[in-house]
Amino acid sequence: MEAEILRCIVAFEVANNRKAPNWTLAEVGLNQVNDDFFLFNEYVGHHRNDWIEEFCEGWKEFILEDADKLAIDSLPETERKQARVAKLLPVLLPLWPFFGSICHVLQEEENPLTPKDAYWLGLIDEVVGESLPTIRTLAEWQPADA
């Protein structure tokens, strides 16, 4: 199966870059094929992993509407988690490759994304020298002496 995926990716890249005069597999093509293969493999792999259930459970309170919560709570206990996943999967699954691709691009070369931008995208937890809200600050907070 992986060989067939790789064959399709190579065919796509060759066809897509046919008009680029300096494009060759040796120069840039193999790197792009490699990136495409791992991105596709990661995306497909997430559809069949158990992590998605935990990911959905972590976001259920923020995404499910009250009517959905009531409907799911009325189901038998053994069916609730699967019902939540079915409801949340179409919303959350497209976000995972999006954030994964952002992380991938950030590792490739210099980029204009500032540490503050990365914080607001949820890619990092803290930015040194900035007074942005963090879980650590809340956990370490001590009331001032009265």
N, C-alpha and C. Protein backbone atom coordinates (compact mmCIF):
# COMPACT_ATOMS: atom_id res chain seq x y z
N MET A 1 0.83 -1.19 0.00
CA MET A 1 0.00 0.00 0.00
C MET A 1 0.87 1.25 0.00
N GLU A 2 1.92 1.25 0.81
CA GLU A 2 2.79 2.42 0.85
C GLU A 2 3.47 2.66 -0.49
N ALA A 3 3.85 1.59 -1.19
CA ALA A 3 4.48 1.74 -2.50
C ALA A 3 3.52 2.39 -3.49
N GLU A 4 2.25 2.02 -3.41
CA GLU A 4 1.25 2.60 -4.31
C GLU A 4 1.04 4.08 -3.98
N ILE A 5 1.00 4.40 -2.71
CA ILE A 5 0.87 5.81 -2.30
C ILE A 5 2.06 6.61 -2.81
N LEU A 6 3.25 6.05 -2.64
CA LEU A 6 4.47 6.72 -3.09
C LEU A 6 4.46 6.91 -4.61
N ARG A 7 4.02 5.89 -5.34
CA ARG A 7 3.94 5.98 -6.80
C ARG A 7 2.99 7.11 -7.21
N CYS A 8 1.86 7.22 -6.54
CA CYS A 8 0.89 8.29 -6.84
C CYS A 8 1.45 9.67 -6.52
N ILE A 9 2.17 9.78 -5.44
CA ILE A 9 2.76 11.06 -5.06
C ILE A 9 3.82 11.48 -6.07
N VAL A 10 4.67 10.54 -6.49
CA VAL A 10 5.69 10.85 -7.50
C VAL A 10 5.02 11.29 -8.79
N ALA A 11 4.00 10.58 -9.23
CA ALA A 11 3.28 10.94 -10.45
C ALA A 11 2.67 12.34 -10.32
N PHE A 12 2.08 12.64 -9.16
CA PHE A 12 1.49 13.96 -8.94
C PHE A 12 2.55 15.05 -9.01
N GLU A 13 3.67 14.87 -8.31
CA GLU A 13 4.71 15.90 -8.28
C GLU A 13 5.32 16.12 -9.66
N VAL A 14 5.55 15.04 -10.40
CA VAL A 14 6.11 15.17 -11.75
C VAL A 14 5.13 15.94 -12.64
N ALA A 15 3.86 15.58 -12.60
CA ALA A 15 2.86 16.28 -13.42
C ALA A 15 2.69 17.73 -12.97
N ASN A 16 2.71 17.96 -11.67
CA ASN A 16 2.51 19.30 -11.13
C ASN A 16 3.67 20.23 -11.46
N ASN A 17 4.87 19.68 -11.63
CA ASN A 17 6.07 20.51 -11.86
C ASN A 17 6.60 20.38 -13.28
N ARG A 18 5.80 19.85 -14.17
CA ARG A 18 6.22 19.62 -15.55
C ARG A 18 6.69 20.91 -16.22
N LYS A 19 6.06 22.03 -15.90
CA LYS A 19 6.40 23.30 -16.55
C LYS A 19 7.51 24.07 -15.84
N ALA A 20 7.93 23.59 -14.69
CA ALA A 20 9.02 24.26 -13.97
C ALA A 20 10.34 23.86 -14.62
N PRO A 21 11.05 24.81 -15.20
CA PRO A 21 12.23 24.46 -16.00
C PRO A 21 13.38 23.81 -15.20
N ASN A 22 13.56 24.18 -13.97
CA ASN A 22 14.68 23.66 -13.19
C ASN A 22 14.29 22.59 -12.18
N TRP A 23 13.05 22.14 -12.23
CA TRP A 23 12.59 21.15 -11.26
C TRP A 23 13.06 19.76 -11.65
N THR A 24 13.68 19.08 -10.72
CA THR A 24 14.07 17.67 -10.91
C THR A 24 13.83 16.95 -9.60
N LEU A 25 13.71 15.66 -9.67
CA LEU A 25 13.58 14.87 -8.45
C LEU A 25 14.83 15.02 -7.59
N ALA A 26 15.98 15.05 -8.22
CA ALA A 26 17.24 15.12 -7.47
C ALA A 26 17.41 16.45 -6.73
N GLU A 27 16.98 17.54 -7.36
CA GLU A 27 17.19 18.86 -6.75
C GLU A 27 16.21 19.14 -5.60
N VAL A 28 14.93 19.11 -5.89
CA VAL A 28 13.93 19.43 -4.87
C VAL A 28 12.80 18.42 -4.80
N GLY A 29 12.63 17.66 -5.87
CA GLY A 29 11.49 16.77 -5.98
C GLY A 29 11.41 15.69 -4.92
N LEU A 30 12.54 15.04 -4.62
CA LEU A 30 12.50 13.97 -3.64
C LEU A 30 12.18 14.48 -2.24
N ASN A 31 12.65 15.68 -1.94
CA ASN A 31 12.28 16.27 -0.64
C ASN A 31 10.78 16.52 -0.57
N GLN A 32 10.20 17.01 -1.67
CA GLN A 32 8.76 17.27 -1.69
C GLN A 32 7.98 15.96 -1.63
N VAL A 33 8.44 14.94 -2.36
CA VAL A 33 7.79 13.63 -2.32
C VAL A 33 7.83 13.08 -0.90
N ASN A 34 8.97 13.21 -0.26
CA ASN A 34 9.12 12.75 1.13
C ASN A 34 8.16 13.47 2.06
N ASP A 35 8.10 14.79 1.93
CA ASP A 35 7.18 15.58 2.76
C ASP A 35 5.72 15.18 2.50
N ASP A 36 5.37 15.04 1.23
CA ASP A 36 4.01 14.65 0.87
C ASP A 36 3.66 13.29 1.47
N PHE A 37 4.60 12.35 1.35
CA PHE A 37 4.35 10.99 1.84
C PHE A 37 4.09 10.99 3.34
N PHE A 38 4.96 11.67 4.10
CA PHE A 38 4.79 11.66 5.55
C PHE A 38 3.57 12.45 5.99
N LEU A 39 3.25 13.53 5.30
CA LEU A 39 2.05 14.29 5.63
C LEU A 39 0.80 13.45 5.37
N PHE A 40 0.75 12.80 4.21
CA PHE A 40 -0.38 11.94 3.88
C PHE A 40 -0.49 10.78 4.86
N ASN A 41 0.63 10.16 5.13
CA ASN A 41 0.65 9.02 6.05
C ASN A 41 0.19 9.43 7.45
N GLU A 42 0.62 10.60 7.89
CA GLU A 42 0.19 11.09 9.21
C GLU A 42 -1.30 11.37 9.22
N TYR A 43 -1.80 11.99 8.15
CA TYR A 43 -3.22 12.32 8.08
C TYR A 43 -4.08 11.04 8.09
N VAL A 44 -3.72 10.09 7.26
CA VAL A 44 -4.48 8.84 7.19
C VAL A 44 -4.34 8.06 8.49
N GLY A 45 -3.15 8.07 9.07
CA GLY A 45 -2.92 7.34 10.31
C GLY A 45 -3.76 7.84 11.47
N HIS A 46 -4.07 9.14 11.48
CA HIS A 46 -4.86 9.68 12.57
C HIS A 46 -6.32 9.25 12.51
N HIS A 47 -6.77 8.84 11.34
CA HIS A 47 -8.15 8.37 11.23
C HIS A 47 -8.35 7.02 11.90
N ARG A 48 -7.26 6.28 12.12
CA ARG A 48 -7.43 4.95 12.68
C ARG A 48 -6.75 4.78 14.03
N ASN A 49 -6.37 5.86 14.65
CA ASN A 49 -5.70 5.78 15.95
C ASN A 49 -6.66 6.05 17.10
N ASP A 50 -6.33 5.50 18.26
CA ASP A 50 -7.15 5.70 19.44
C ASP A 50 -7.05 7.12 20.00
N TRP A 51 -6.02 7.86 19.60
CA TRP A 51 -5.83 9.20 20.15
C TRP A 51 -7.03 10.09 19.87
N ILE A 52 -7.73 9.85 18.75
CA ILE A 52 -8.82 10.75 18.37
C ILE A 52 -9.93 10.74 19.40
N GLU A 53 -10.17 9.59 20.04
CA GLU A 53 -11.21 9.55 21.07
C GLU A 53 -10.84 10.43 22.25
N GLU A 54 -9.59 10.38 22.67
CA GLU A 54 -9.15 11.22 23.79
C GLU A 54 -9.14 12.70 23.39
N PHE A 55 -8.75 12.97 22.16
CA PHE A 55 -8.76 14.34 21.65
C PHE A 55 -10.17 14.91 21.70
N CYS A 56 -11.15 14.12 21.24
CA CYS A 56 -12.55 14.55 21.26
C CYS A 56 -13.05 14.73 22.69
N GLU A 57 -12.69 13.81 23.58
CA GLU A 57 -13.11 13.92 24.98
C GLU A 57 -12.57 15.20 25.62
N GLY A 58 -11.37 15.58 25.25
CA GLY A 58 -10.76 16.79 25.82
C GLY A 58 -11.45 18.08 25.39
N TRP A 59 -12.10 18.06 24.22
CA TRP A 59 -12.72 19.28 23.69
C TRP A 59 -14.24 19.27 23.76
N LYS A 60 -14.83 18.21 24.29
CA LYS A 60 -16.29 18.07 24.27
C LYS A 60 -17.02 19.22 24.95
N GLU A 61 -16.51 19.70 26.06
CA GLU A 61 -17.20 20.78 26.79
C GLU A 61 -17.20 22.09 26.02
N PHE A 62 -16.21 22.28 25.16
CA PHE A 62 -16.09 23.55 24.44
C PHE A 62 -16.84 23.56 23.12
N ILE A 63 -17.09 22.38 22.55
CA ILE A 63 -17.65 22.33 21.20
C ILE A 63 -19.10 21.86 21.16
N LEU A 64 -19.42 20.88 21.97
CA LEU A 64 -20.79 20.36 21.96
C LEU A 64 -21.77 21.41 22.48
N GLU A 65 -22.88 21.52 21.79
CA GLU A 65 -23.93 22.43 22.24
C GLU A 65 -24.75 21.73 23.32
N ASP A 66 -25.48 22.51 24.09
CA ASP A 66 -26.26 21.95 25.20
C ASP A 66 -27.23 20.87 24.74
N ALA A 67 -27.88 21.08 23.61
CA ALA A 67 -28.83 20.09 23.10
C ALA A 67 -28.12 18.77 22.77
N ASP A 68 -26.91 18.87 22.21
CA ASP A 68 -26.14 17.67 21.90
C ASP A 68 -25.72 16.95 23.19
N LYS A 69 -25.32 17.73 24.18
CA LYS A 69 -24.91 17.13 25.46
C LYS A 69 -26.08 16.38 26.10
N LEU A 70 -27.27 16.99 26.07
CA LEU A 70 -28.45 16.34 26.65
C LEU A 70 -28.80 15.06 25.89
N ALA A 71 -28.74 15.13 24.57
CA ALA A 71 -29.06 13.95 23.76
C ALA A 71 -28.07 12.82 24.03
N ILE A 72 -26.81 13.16 24.13
CA ILE A 72 -25.79 12.14 24.40
C ILE A 72 -25.92 11.59 25.80
N ASP A 73 -26.21 12.45 26.77
CA ASP A 73 -26.38 12.00 28.15
C ASP A 73 -27.60 11.08 28.32
N SER A 74 -28.56 11.17 27.40
CA SER A 74 -29.74 10.31 27.49
C SER A 74 -29.46 8.90 26.94
N LEU A 75 -28.33 8.73 26.29
CA LEU A 75 -27.96 7.41 25.76
C LEU A 75 -27.43 6.52 26.88
N PRO A 76 -27.42 5.22 26.67
CA PRO A 76 -26.79 4.33 27.65
C PRO A 76 -25.30 4.68 27.80
N GLU A 77 -24.78 4.49 28.98
CA GLU A 77 -23.38 4.85 29.29
C GLU A 77 -22.40 4.28 28.27
N THR A 78 -22.63 3.06 27.82
CA THR A 78 -21.69 2.41 26.90
C THR A 78 -21.67 3.05 25.51
N GLU A 79 -22.67 3.84 25.17
CA GLU A 79 -22.76 4.45 23.84
C GLU A 79 -22.37 5.93 23.82
N ARG A 80 -22.20 6.52 24.98
CA ARG A 80 -21.98 7.97 25.06
C ARG A 80 -20.68 8.43 24.42
N LYS A 81 -19.59 7.75 24.75
CA LYS A 81 -18.29 8.18 24.21
C LYS A 81 -18.29 8.10 22.69
N GLN A 82 -18.81 7.02 22.14
CA GLN A 82 -18.85 6.86 20.69
C GLN A 82 -19.74 7.93 20.04
N ALA A 83 -20.83 8.30 20.70
CA ALA A 83 -21.71 9.34 20.17
C ALA A 83 -21.01 10.70 20.17
N ARG A 84 -20.25 10.98 21.24
CA ARG A 84 -19.49 12.24 21.31
C ARG A 84 -18.45 12.28 20.19
N VAL A 85 -17.72 11.18 20.03
CA VAL A 85 -16.69 11.12 18.99
C VAL A 85 -17.33 11.34 17.62
N ALA A 86 -18.45 10.69 17.36
CA ALA A 86 -19.13 10.84 16.06
C ALA A 86 -19.53 12.29 15.81
N LYS A 87 -19.95 12.98 16.86
CA LYS A 87 -20.38 14.37 16.74
C LYS A 87 -19.18 15.32 16.59
N LEU A 88 -18.09 15.05 17.31
CA LEU A 88 -16.95 15.95 17.34
C LEU A 88 -15.92 15.70 16.24
N LEU A 89 -15.84 14.49 15.76
CA LEU A 89 -14.82 14.14 14.77
C LEU A 89 -14.85 15.03 13.53
N PRO A 90 -16.01 15.32 12.94
CA PRO A 90 -16.01 16.19 11.75
C PRO A 90 -15.51 17.61 12.05
N VAL A 91 -15.62 18.04 13.29
CA VAL A 91 -15.17 19.38 13.66
C VAL A 91 -13.67 19.38 13.96
N LEU A 92 -13.20 18.39 14.70
CA LEU A 92 -11.82 18.40 15.19
C LEU A 92 -10.79 17.80 14.24
N LEU A 93 -11.18 16.81 13.48
CA LEU A 93 -10.19 16.13 12.64
C LEU A 93 -9.51 17.05 11.63
N PRO A 94 -10.22 17.96 10.97
CA PRO A 94 -9.52 18.86 10.04
C PRO A 94 -8.52 19.80 10.71
N LEU A 95 -8.71 20.08 11.99
CA LEU A 95 -7.78 20.97 12.70
C LEU A 95 -6.43 20.32 12.96
N TRP A 96 -6.43 19.01 13.19
CA TRP A 96 -5.19 18.32 13.54
C TRP A 96 -4.14 18.41 12.43
N PRO A 97 -4.47 18.08 11.17
CA PRO A 97 -3.46 18.23 10.12
C PRO A 97 -3.07 19.68 9.88
N PHE A 98 -4.02 20.60 10.11
CA PHE A 98 -3.71 22.02 9.95
C PHE A 98 -2.60 22.43 10.91
N PHE A 99 -2.77 22.10 12.19
CA PHE A 99 -1.74 22.44 13.16
C PHE A 99 -0.47 21.65 12.92
N GLY A 100 -0.61 20.42 12.49
CA GLY A 100 0.58 19.62 12.15
C GLY A 100 1.36 20.24 11.01
N SER A 101 0.65 20.75 10.01
CA SER A 101 1.34 21.37 8.88
C SER A 101 2.01 22.68 9.30
N ILE A 102 1.40 23.42 10.21
CA ILE A 102 2.04 24.63 10.73
C ILE A 102 3.34 24.26 11.43
N CYS A 103 3.30 23.24 12.26
CA CYS A 103 4.51 22.80 12.96
C CYS A 103 5.57 22.33 11.97
N HIS A 104 5.14 21.64 10.94
CA HIS A 104 6.08 21.15 9.93
C HIS A 104 6.78 22.31 9.22
N VAL A 105 6.01 23.31 8.81
CA VAL A 105 6.58 24.47 8.13
C VAL A 105 7.53 25.23 9.05
N LEU A 106 7.18 25.32 10.32
CA LEU A 106 8.04 26.04 11.26
C LEU A 106 9.40 25.37 11.43
N GLN A 107 9.48 24.08 11.16
CA GLN A 107 10.74 23.35 11.30
C GLN A 107 11.59 23.38 10.03
N GLU A 108 11.02 23.82 8.91
CA GLU A 108 11.73 23.76 7.64
C GLU A 108 12.80 24.84 7.50
N GLU A 109 12.48 26.06 7.81
CA GLU A 109 13.42 27.15 7.59
C GLU A 109 12.97 28.36 8.39
N GLU A 110 13.66 29.48 8.19
CA GLU A 110 13.26 30.70 8.88
C GLU A 110 11.84 31.08 8.46
N ASN A 111 11.11 31.64 9.38
CA ASN A 111 9.73 32.01 9.08
C ASN A 111 9.37 33.28 9.83
N PRO A 112 8.33 33.96 9.38
CA PRO A 112 7.96 35.23 10.01
C PRO A 112 7.11 35.08 11.27
N LEU A 113 6.82 33.87 11.70
CA LEU A 113 5.98 33.66 12.87
C LEU A 113 6.75 34.06 14.13
N THR A 114 6.17 34.97 14.89
CA THR A 114 6.82 35.41 16.12
C THR A 114 6.46 34.46 17.26
N PRO A 115 7.22 34.50 18.35
CA PRO A 115 6.86 33.67 19.50
C PRO A 115 5.45 33.97 20.01
N LYS A 116 5.05 35.23 19.96
CA LYS A 116 3.71 35.59 20.40
C LYS A 116 2.64 34.98 19.47
N ASP A 117 2.90 34.97 18.17
CA ASP A 117 1.99 34.32 17.23
C ASP A 117 1.87 32.83 17.55
N ALA A 118 3.00 32.19 17.80
CA ALA A 118 3.01 30.75 18.12
C ALA A 118 2.22 30.49 19.41
N TYR A 119 2.32 31.40 20.38
CA TYR A 119 1.56 31.25 21.62
C TYR A 119 0.06 31.28 21.33
N TRP A 120 -0.39 32.28 20.56
CA TRP A 120 -1.82 32.42 20.30
C TRP A 120 -2.36 31.31 19.40
N LEU A 121 -1.50 30.68 18.63
CA LEU A 121 -1.92 29.52 17.84
C LEU A 121 -1.95 28.25 18.68
N GLY A 122 -1.44 28.33 19.91
CA GLY A 122 -1.45 27.16 20.79
C GLY A 122 -0.29 26.22 20.55
N LEU A 123 0.75 26.69 19.85
CA LEU A 123 1.89 25.84 19.55
C LEU A 123 2.89 25.80 20.69
N ILE A 124 2.92 26.83 21.51
CA ILE A 124 3.80 26.88 22.67
C ILE A 124 3.00 27.37 23.86
N ASP A 125 3.50 27.09 25.07
CA ASP A 125 2.76 27.42 26.28
C ASP A 125 3.11 28.79 26.86
N GLU A 126 4.35 29.22 26.68
CA GLU A 126 4.79 30.47 27.29
C GLU A 126 5.72 31.22 26.36
N VAL A 127 5.76 32.54 26.52
CA VAL A 127 6.70 33.38 25.81
C VAL A 127 7.45 34.19 26.86
N VAL A 128 8.75 33.97 26.94
CA VAL A 128 9.57 34.66 27.93
C VAL A 128 9.54 36.16 27.65
N GLY A 129 9.34 36.95 28.70
CA GLY A 129 9.33 38.40 28.57
C GLY A 129 7.97 38.99 28.24
N GLU A 130 6.98 38.15 28.02
CA GLU A 130 5.62 38.62 27.72
C GLU A 130 4.73 38.25 28.90
N SER A 131 3.80 39.09 29.23
CA SER A 131 2.87 38.77 30.31
C SER A 131 1.56 38.24 29.73
N LEU A 132 1.66 37.05 29.15
CA LEU A 132 0.49 36.39 28.58
C LEU A 132 -0.03 35.37 29.58
N PRO A 133 -1.33 35.11 29.58
CA PRO A 133 -1.88 34.16 30.55
C PRO A 133 -1.36 32.74 30.29
N THR A 134 -0.92 32.08 31.35
CA THR A 134 -0.45 30.70 31.23
C THR A 134 -1.01 29.87 32.38
N ILE A 135 -1.06 28.59 32.16
CA ILE A 135 -1.52 27.68 33.22
C ILE A 135 -0.55 27.70 34.39
N ARG A 136 0.75 27.80 34.08
CA ARG A 136 1.75 27.83 35.13
C ARG A 136 1.56 29.05 36.03
N THR A 137 1.27 30.21 35.43
CA THR A 137 1.08 31.42 36.24
C THR A 137 -0.12 31.27 37.17
N LEU A 138 -1.16 30.65 36.68
CA LEU A 138 -2.33 30.42 37.52
C LEU A 138 -2.02 29.43 38.65
N ALA A 139 -1.26 28.39 38.34
CA ALA A 139 -0.93 27.38 39.34
C ALA A 139 0.02 27.94 40.42
N GLU A 140 0.90 28.85 40.03
CA GLU A 140 1.89 29.40 40.97
C GLU A 140 1.40 30.66 41.70
N TRP A 141 0.21 31.14 41.34
CA TRP A 141 -0.27 32.40 41.92
C TRP A 141 -0.44 32.26 43.43
N GLN A 142 0.01 33.27 44.12
CA GLN A 142 -0.15 33.36 45.58
C GLN A 142 -0.81 34.70 45.87
N PRO A 143 -1.82 34.70 46.75
CA PRO A 143 -2.46 35.99 47.08
C PRO A 143 -1.46 36.91 47.80
N ALA A 144 -1.62 38.19 47.54
CA ALA A 144 -0.76 39.18 48.20
C ALA A 144 -1.12 39.21 49.69
N ASP A 145 -0.12 39.50 50.50
CA ASP A 145 -0.37 39.61 51.95
C ASP A 145 -1.32 40.77 52.19
N ALA A 146 -2.34 40.50 53.00
CA ALA A 146 -3.33 41.53 53.28
C ALA A 146 -2.95 42.39 54.44
